[in-house]
C-alpha atoms as a PDB file:
ATOM      1  CA  MET A   1       0.215   0.062   0.140  1.00  0.00           C
ATOM      2  CA  ALA A   2       1.247   3.557  -0.821  1.00  0.00           C
ATOM      3  CA  LYS A   3       2.904   5.635   2.046  1.00  0.00           C
ATOM      4  CA  LYS A   4       0.158   8.153   3.318  1.00  0.00           C
ATOM      5  CA  LYS A   5       0.926  11.759   2.397  1.00  0.00           C
ATOM      6  CA  GLN A   6       1.094  14.628   4.815  1.00  0.00           C
ATOM      7  CA  LYS A   7      -2.143  16.188   4.737  1.00  0.00           C
ATOM      8  CA  ASN A   8      -2.421  19.857   4.441  1.00  0.00           C
ATOM      9  CA  LEU A   9      -3.469  21.990   7.141  1.00  0.00           C
ATOM     10  CA  PHE A  10      -7.125  22.721   5.732  1.00  0.00           C
ATOM     11  CA  GLU A  11      -7.689  18.859   5.605  1.00  0.00           C
ATOM     12  CA  ARG A  12      -6.264  18.234   9.139  1.00  0.00           C
ATOM     13  CA  PHE A  13      -8.719  20.953  10.521  1.00  0.00           C
ATOM     14  CA  SER A  14     -11.424  19.732   8.380  1.00  0.00           C
ATOM     15  CA  ASN A  15     -11.160  16.111   9.862  1.00  0.00           C
ATOM     16  CA  TRP A  16     -10.551  17.157  13.220  1.00  0.00           C
ATOM     17  CA  ALA A  17     -13.648  19.622  12.994  1.00  0.00           C
ATOM     18  CA  THR A  18     -15.873  16.971  11.393  1.00  0.00           C
ATOM     19  CA  MET A  19     -15.112  14.484  14.210  1.00  0.00           C
ATOM     20  CA  ALA A  20     -15.485  17.167  16.723  1.00  0.00           C
ATOM     21  CA  THR A  21     -18.907  18.507  15.591  1.00  0.00           C
ATOM     22  CA  GLY A  22     -20.142  15.220  15.080  1.00  0.00           C
ATOM     23  CA  SER A  23     -19.661  14.342  18.737  1.00  0.00           C
ATOM     24  CA  SER A  24     -21.752  14.010  21.629  1.00  0.00           C
ATOM     25  CA  ALA A  25     -20.010  16.615  23.504  1.00  0.00           C
ATOM     26  CA  ALA A  26     -20.707  19.176  20.448  1.00  0.00           C
ATOM     27  CA  PHE A  27     -24.352  18.340  20.739  1.00  0.00           C
ATOM     28  CA  ILE A  28     -24.325  18.998  24.568  1.00  0.00           C
ATOM     29  CA  ILE A  29     -22.524  22.276  23.835  1.00  0.00           C
ATOM     30  CA  ALA A  30     -25.037  23.286  21.439  1.00  0.00           C
ATOM     31  CA  ILE A  31     -27.984  22.478  23.859  1.00  0.00           C
ATOM     32  CA  SER A  32     -26.339  24.134  26.591  1.00  0.00           C
ATOM     33  CA  THR A  33     -25.752  27.239  24.532  1.00  0.00           C
ATOM     34  CA  ILE A  34     -29.366  27.690  23.982  1.00  0.00           C
ATOM     35  CA  VAL A  35     -30.363  26.839  27.192  1.00  0.00           C
ATOM     36  CA  VAL A  36     -28.074  29.649  28.598  1.00  0.00           C
ATOM     37  CA  TRP A  37     -29.414  32.026  25.752  1.00  0.00           C
ATOM     38  CA  LEU A  38     -33.054  31.236  26.919  1.00  0.00           C
ATOM     39  CA  VAL A  39     -32.277  31.742  30.622  1.00  0.00           C
ATOM     40  CA  THR A  40     -30.835  35.183  29.816  1.00  0.00           C
ATOM     41  CA  GLY A  41     -33.828  36.155  28.070  1.00  0.00           C
ATOM     42  CA  PRO A  42     -35.395  37.791  30.982  1.00  0.00           C
ATOM     43  CA  ILE A  43     -32.134  39.191  32.075  1.00  0.00           C
ATOM     44  CA  PHE A  44     -31.993  41.230  28.796  1.00  0.00           C
ATOM     45  CA  ASN A  45     -35.778  41.917  28.713  1.00  0.00           C
ATOM     46  CA  TYR A  46     -35.841  39.553  25.473  1.00  0.00           C
ATOM     47  CA  SER A  47     -34.306  42.557  23.429  1.00  0.00           C
ATOM     48  CA  ASP A  48     -33.473  42.882  20.069  1.00  0.00           C
ATOM     49  CA  THR A  49     -29.892  42.379  20.722  1.00  0.00           C
ATOM     50  CA  TRP A  50     -30.525  39.428  22.563  1.00  0.00           C
ATOM     51  CA  GLN A  51     -32.209  37.815  19.721  1.00  0.00           C
ATOM     52  CA  LEU A  52     -29.566  39.080  17.338  1.00  0.00           C
ATOM     53  CA  ILE A  53     -26.755  37.318  19.256  1.00  0.00           C
ATOM     54  CA  ILE A  54     -28.328  34.083  18.847  1.00  0.00           C
ATOM     55  CA  ASN A  55     -29.474  34.666  15.265  1.00  0.00           C
ATOM     56  CA  THR A  56     -25.951  35.870  14.216  1.00  0.00           C
ATOM     57  CA  GLY A  57     -24.156  32.878  16.011  1.00  0.00           C
ATOM     58  CA  THR A  58     -26.368  30.358  14.404  1.00  0.00           C
ATOM     59  CA  THR A  59     -26.023  31.712  10.960  1.00  0.00           C
ATOM     60  CA  ILE A  60     -22.198  31.994  11.131  1.00  0.00           C
ATOM     61  CA  ILE A  61     -22.018  28.619  12.311  1.00  0.00           C
ATOM     62  CA  THR A  62     -24.493  27.332   9.804  1.00  0.00           C
ATOM     63  CA  PHE A  63     -22.474  28.865   6.866  1.00  0.00           C
ATOM     64  CA  LEU A  64     -19.330  27.390   8.102  1.00  0.00           C
ATOM     65  CA  MET A  65     -20.735  24.048   8.471  1.00  0.00           C
ATOM     66  CA  VAL A  66     -22.110  23.811   5.098  1.00  0.00           C
ATOM     67  CA  PHE A  67     -18.515  23.969   3.645  1.00  0.00           C
ATOM     68  CA  LEU A  68     -17.312  21.571   6.098  1.00  0.00           C
ATOM     69  CA  ILE A  69     -20.001  19.080   5.507  1.00  0.00           C
ATOM     70  CA  GLN A  70     -19.608  19.228   1.759  1.00  0.00           C
ATOM     71  CA  LYS A  71     -15.865  18.742   2.012  1.00  0.00           C
ATOM     72  CA  SER A  72     -16.410  15.653   4.323  1.00  0.00           C
ATOM     73  CA  GLN A  73     -19.291  14.321   1.956  1.00  0.00           C
ATOM     74  CA  ASN A  74     -16.707  14.803  -1.200  1.00  0.00           C
ATOM     75  CA  LYS A  75     -14.041  12.907   0.344  1.00  0.00           C
ATOM     76  CA  ASP A  76     -16.543  10.126   1.724  1.00  0.00           C
ATOM     77  CA  SER A  77     -18.009  10.057  -1.761  1.00  0.00           C
ATOM     78  CA  LYS A  78     -14.648   9.717  -3.531  1.00  0.00           C
ATOM     79  CA  ALA A  79     -13.603   6.903  -1.154  1.00  0.00           C
ATOM     80  CA  ILE A  80     -16.639   4.916  -1.793  1.00  0.00           C
ATOM     81  CA  HIS A  81     -16.360   5.543  -5.530  1.00  0.00           C
ATOM     82  CA  LEU A  82     -12.710   4.199  -5.336  1.00  0.00           C
ATOM     83  CA  LYS A  83     -13.735   0.938  -3.227  1.00  0.00           C
ATOM     84  CA  LEU A  84     -16.866   0.383  -5.649  1.00  0.00           C
ATOM     85  CA  ASN A  85     -14.420   0.797  -8.740  1.00  0.00           C
ATOM     86  CA  GLU A  86     -11.749  -1.817  -6.961  1.00  0.00           C
ATOM     87  CA  LEU A  87     -14.702  -4.399  -6.602  1.00  0.00           C
ATOM     88  CA  LEU A  88     -15.987  -3.951 -10.175  1.00  0.00           C
ATOM     89  CA  ALA A  89     -12.325  -4.110 -11.639  1.00  0.00           C
ATOM     90  CA  SER A  90     -11.528  -7.127  -9.475  1.00  0.00           C
ATOM     91  CA  HIS A  91     -14.648  -9.064 -10.173  1.00  0.00           C
ATOM     92  CA  GLN A  92     -14.710 -11.100 -13.552  1.00  0.00           C
ATOM     93  CA  GLY A  93     -18.485 -10.983 -14.148  1.00  0.00           C
ATOM     94  CA  ALA A  94     -18.708  -7.250 -13.676  1.00  0.00           C
ATOM     95  CA  SER A  95     -18.404  -4.783 -16.436  1.00  0.00           C
ATOM     96  CA  ASN A  96     -15.331  -2.369 -16.453  1.00  0.00           C
ATOM     97  CA  ARG A  97     -17.660   0.056 -18.167  1.00  0.00           C
ATOM     98  CA  MET A  98     -19.270   0.837 -14.880  1.00  0.00           C
ATOM     99  CA  VAL A  99     -15.949   2.065 -13.373  1.00  0.00           C
ATOM    100  CA  ASP A 100     -16.141   5.808 -13.029  1.00  0.00           C
ATOM    101  CA  ILE A 101     -19.593   6.207 -14.351  1.00  0.00           C
ATOM    102  CA  GLU A 102     -20.323   9.037 -11.780  1.00  0.00           C
ATOM    103  CA  ASP A 103     -18.522  11.196 -14.499  1.00  0.00           C
ATOM    104  CA  LEU A 104     -21.418  10.454 -17.163  1.00  0.00           C
ATOM    105  CA  SER A 105     -24.141  13.083 -18.112  1.00  0.00           C
ATOM    106  CA  GLU A 106     -27.292  12.696 -16.386  1.00  0.00           C
ATOM    107  CA  ILE A 107     -28.797  11.514 -19.635  1.00  0.00           C
ATOM    108  CA  ASP A 108     -26.232   8.700 -20.003  1.00  0.00           C
ATOM    109  CA  LEU A 109     -27.253   7.694 -16.402  1.00  0.00           C
ATOM    110  CA  ASP A 110     -30.785   7.781 -17.087  1.00  0.00           C
ATOM    111  CA  GLN A 111     -29.779   5.390 -20.151  1.00  0.00           C
ATOM    112  CA  LEU A 112     -27.991   2.984 -17.830  1.00  0.00           C
ATOM    113  CA  HIS A 113     -30.919   3.079 -15.340  1.00  0.00           C
ATOM    114  CA  LYS A 114     -33.397   1.908 -18.148  1.00  0.00           C
ATOM    115  CA  PHE A 115     -30.900  -0.721 -19.052  1.00  0.00           C
ATOM    116  CA  TYR A 116     -31.078  -2.197 -15.515  1.00  0.00           C
ATOM    117  CA  VAL A 117     -34.664  -1.736 -15.347  1.00  0.00           C
ATOM    118  CA  LYS A 118     -34.791  -4.058 -18.141  1.00  0.00           C
ATOM    119  CA  LEU A 119     -32.159  -6.340 -16.511  1.00  0.00           C
ATOM    120  CA  SER A 120     -34.244  -6.440 -13.472  1.00  0.00           C
ATOM    121  CA  ASP A 121     -37.351  -7.521 -15.514  1.00  0.00           C
ATOM    122  CA  LEU A 122     -35.144 -10.304 -17.076  1.00  0.00           C
ATOM    123  CA  ALA A 123     -34.132 -11.442 -13.530  1.00  0.00           C
ATOM    124  CA  GLU A 124     -37.355 -11.496 -12.374  1.00  0.00           C
ATOM    125  CA  LYS A 125     -38.396 -14.116 -14.844  1.00  0.00           C
ATOM    126  CA  GLU A 126     -35.470 -16.404 -13.309  1.00  0.00           C
ATOM    127  CA  ASP A 127     -36.157 -18.423 -10.370  1.00  0.00           C
ATOM    128  CA  ASP A 128     -32.773 -18.040  -8.730  1.00  0.00           C
ATOM    129  CA  LEU A 129     -31.968 -14.865  -7.018  1.00  0.00           C
ATOM    130  CA  THR A 130     -28.260 -15.621  -6.958  1.00  0.00           C
ATOM    131  CA  CYS A 131     -27.781 -15.144 -10.672  1.00  0.00           C
ATOM    132  CA  THR A 132     -26.211 -11.980 -11.790  1.00  0.00           C
ATOM    133  CA  HIS A 133     -25.394 -10.204 -15.174  1.00  0.00           C
ATOM    134  CA  SER A 134     -23.129  -7.730 -16.481  1.00  0.00           C
ATOM    135  CA  ILE A 135     -24.067  -5.103 -18.761  1.00  0.00           C
ATOM    136  CA  ASP A 136     -21.868  -6.750 -21.549  1.00  0.00           C
ATOM    137  CA  ALA A 137     -23.747 -10.266 -21.467  1.00  0.00           C
ATOM    138  CA  ALA A 138     -27.022  -9.610 -20.152  1.00  0.00           C
ATOM    139  CA  GLU A 139     -29.092 -10.842 -22.889  1.00  0.00           C
ATOM    140  CA  GLU A 140     -26.810 -13.764 -23.532  1.00  0.00           C
ATOM    141  CA  ASN A 141     -26.733 -14.578 -19.857  1.00  0.00           C
ATOM    142  CA  HIS A 142     -30.348 -14.708 -19.764  1.00  0.00           C
ATOM    143  CA  SER A 143     -31.061 -16.945 -22.429  1.00  0.00           C
ATOM    144  CA  SER A 144     -28.335 -19.293 -21.516  1.00  0.00           C
ATOM    145  CA  LYS A 145     -29.728 -19.632 -18.060  1.00  0.00           C
ATOM    146  CA  GLN A 146     -32.990 -20.295 -19.175  1.00  0.00           C
ATOM    147  CA  THR A 147     -31.706 -23.457 -21.273  1.00  0.00           C
ATOM    148  CA  GLY A 148     -28.617 -24.989 -19.728  1.00  0.00           C
ATOM    149  CA  TYR A 149     -27.582 -23.214 -16.571  1.00  0.00           C
ATOM    150  CA  LYS A 150     -30.145 -25.008 -14.451  1.00  0.00           C
ATOM    151  CA  THR A 151     -27.986 -28.145 -15.214  1.00  0.00           C
ATOM    152  CA  LYS A 152     -24.896 -26.645 -13.432  1.00  0.00           C
ATOM    153  CA  PRO A 153     -23.868 -27.963  -9.875  1.00  0.00           C
ATOM    154  CA  HIS A 154     -24.174 -24.656  -8.129  1.00  0.00           C
ATOM    155  CA  TYR A 155     -27.648 -23.969  -9.672  1.00  0.00           C
ATOM    156  CA  ALA A 156     -28.843 -27.236  -8.037  1.00  0.00           C
ATOM    157  CA  ARG A 157     -27.032 -26.415  -4.744  1.00  0.00           C
ATOM    158  CA  ALA A 158     -28.811 -23.234  -4.572  1.00  0.00           C
ATOM    159  CA  LEU A 159     -32.008 -24.640  -5.168  1.00  0.00           C
ATOM    160  CA  LYS A 160     -31.654 -27.457  -2.683  1.00  0.00           C
ATOM    161  CA  ASN A 161     -30.576 -24.979  -0.042  1.00  0.00           C
ATOM    162  CA  ARG A 162     -33.326 -22.722  -0.937  1.00  0.00           C
ATOM    163  CA  SER A 163     -35.958 -25.275  -0.370  1.00  0.00           C
ATOM    164  CA  ALA A 164     -34.252 -26.782   2.822  1.00  0.00           C
ATOM    165  CA  PRO A 165     -36.330 -26.381   6.109  1.00  0.00           C
ATOM    166  CA  GLY A 166     -35.336 -23.304   8.016  1.00  0.00           C
ATOM    167  CA  LYS A 167     -33.914 -21.426   4.998  1.00  0.00           C
END
């Protein structure tokens, strides 16, 4: 595995802030702040300044958190995509065309979605839920499964296991 690179200051801060703001302690601090603000209401006669303090504070925190959450989400999404790409690339039956499809246009993704709806319809016609198809061989797989696939040992085992009591 490649040696981990030193993270830049913003990334280190972002990771720390994400962990800190998502903690129980951060939630307790936020609740405590609201309680203190509410308790001080009568002291300040519920003035405009008293209301402005909480409005300004929460607005600033919300504004900054949007960027922090987006940074964290982008990193998480990228990691998930890389893991899925690795699974696709390493699985013999999977189509390598699916690697990096997140870069396709919305129209292309809709077209792929329609293909998988059709593939799902084909799969529903089969009586074995463990069968899979790749995008490249779906039609061929479907017809071969209907004729000769049911004689394969793993198919017979799957049927036997499925019909066994307690399954």
